[in-house]
């Protein structure tokens, strides 16, 4: 089972590396948009794109959860998930 896990991780890493080389669109922070400035002259045409990544995680140490996240909505969702996991733990192991 452990060997299967390592093999799956290696395959996923290999496929991810192939996809990142083929998809150059997501790896750049700028994209070209021809535009005119307010005085009618063309500027360099590059517009910066800002991305916002939100997420979090739970580490279960037995029945005790350690929760971390980047925003309130993620943390609230993880708290509910932690409560469900704690109840499952107590139902199964007690």
Protein backbone atom coordinates (compact mmCIF):
# COMPACT_ATOMS: atom_id res chain seq x y z
CA UNK A 1 0.00 0.00 0.00
CA UNK A 2 2.84 2.39 0.84
CA UNK A 3 4.61 1.56 -2.43
CA UNK A 4 1.38 2.24 -4.35
CA UNK A 5 1.14 5.63 -2.64
CA UNK A 6 4.69 6.54 -3.65
CA UNK A 7 4.05 5.42 -7.22
CA UNK A 8 0.87 7.52 -7.42
CA UNK A 9 2.69 10.58 -6.06
CA UNK A 10 5.48 10.16 -8.62
CA UNK A 11 2.99 9.76 -11.49
CA UNK A 12 1.02 12.83 -10.38
CA UNK A 13 4.22 14.88 -10.08
CA UNK A 14 5.32 13.79 -13.55
CA UNK A 15 1.94 14.65 -15.10
CA UNK A 16 1.88 18.01 -13.31
CA UNK A 17 5.34 18.83 -14.65
CA UNK A 18 4.21 17.99 -18.19
CA UNK A 19 1.11 20.17 -17.87
CA UNK A 20 3.06 23.12 -16.51
CA UNK A 21 5.47 23.03 -19.46
CA UNK A 22 2.64 22.87 -22.00
CA UNK A 23 0.49 25.55 -20.40
CA UNK A 24 2.45 28.78 -20.50
CA UNK A 25 -0.70 30.90 -20.11
CA UNK A 26 -1.01 30.44 -16.33
CA UNK A 27 2.65 30.76 -15.48
CA UNK A 28 2.96 34.42 -16.50
CA UNK A 29 1.88 37.28 -14.27
CA UNK A 30 1.29 39.63 -17.19
CA UNK A 31 -0.70 39.44 -20.38
CA UNK A 32 -0.71 41.61 -23.48
CA UNK A 33 -3.72 43.90 -23.92
CA UNK A 34 -3.28 46.58 -26.57
CA UNK A 35 -4.71 49.76 -25.15
CA UNK A 36 -4.44 53.48 -25.44
CA UNK A 37 -3.56 55.79 -22.61
CA UNK A 38 -5.76 58.75 -21.69
CA UNK A 39 -3.88 61.04 -24.11
CA UNK A 40 -4.46 58.66 -27.04
CA UNK A 41 -0.94 57.28 -27.30
CA UNK A 42 -0.29 53.58 -27.14
CA UNK A 43 1.55 52.43 -24.01
CA UNK A 44 3.52 49.19 -23.74
CA UNK A 45 0.27 47.16 -23.66
CA UNK A 46 1.13 44.95 -20.71
CA UNK A 47 -1.42 44.77 -17.93
CA UNK A 48 -0.61 43.11 -14.63
CA UNK A 49 -2.98 40.38 -13.43
CA UNK A 50 -3.47 39.89 -9.71
CA UNK A 51 -4.56 36.50 -8.44
CA UNK A 52 -6.13 35.75 -5.08
CA UNK A 53 -5.62 32.28 -3.63
CA UNK A 54 -7.66 31.17 -0.63
CA UNK A 55 -7.41 27.90 1.23
CA UNK A 56 -6.66 26.09 4.43
CA UNK A 57 -6.17 22.73 6.03
CA UNK A 58 -6.77 20.50 9.01
CA UNK A 59 -4.24 18.36 10.79
CA UNK A 60 -5.94 15.81 13.01
CA UNK A 61 -3.85 14.78 16.01
CA UNK A 62 -6.07 11.96 17.18
CA UNK A 63 -9.40 13.60 17.94
CA UNK A 64 -7.87 17.10 18.27
CA UNK A 65 -7.88 19.28 15.12
CA UNK A 66 -5.27 21.87 14.21
CA UNK A 67 -6.89 24.25 11.73
CA UNK A 68 -5.20 26.85 9.53
CA UNK A 69 -6.45 28.97 6.67
CA UNK A 70 -6.06 32.15 4.70
CA UNK A 71 -9.56 33.62 5.09
CA UNK A 72 -12.59 33.41 7.37
CA UNK A 73 -14.80 31.45 4.96
CA UNK A 74 -12.20 28.70 4.58
CA UNK A 75 -11.68 28.48 8.33
CA UNK A 76 -15.43 28.27 9.04
CA UNK A 77 -15.77 25.43 6.53
CA UNK A 78 -12.80 23.63 8.07
CA UNK A 79 -14.21 24.03 11.58
CA UNK A 80 -17.41 22.29 10.47
CA UNK A 81 -15.37 19.55 8.83
CA UNK A 82 -13.26 19.17 11.99
CA UNK A 83 -16.40 18.77 14.12
CA UNK A 84 -17.67 16.05 11.78
CA UNK A 85 -14.29 14.29 11.85
CA UNK A 86 -14.15 14.47 15.67
CA UNK A 87 -17.65 12.97 15.94
CA UNK A 88 -16.70 10.19 13.54
CA UNK A 89 -13.56 9.50 15.55
CA UNK A 90 -15.53 9.22 18.80
CA UNK A 91 -18.22 7.03 17.19
CA UNK A 92 -15.74 4.64 15.61
CA UNK A 93 -13.06 4.36 18.31
CA UNK A 94 -15.01 4.74 21.54
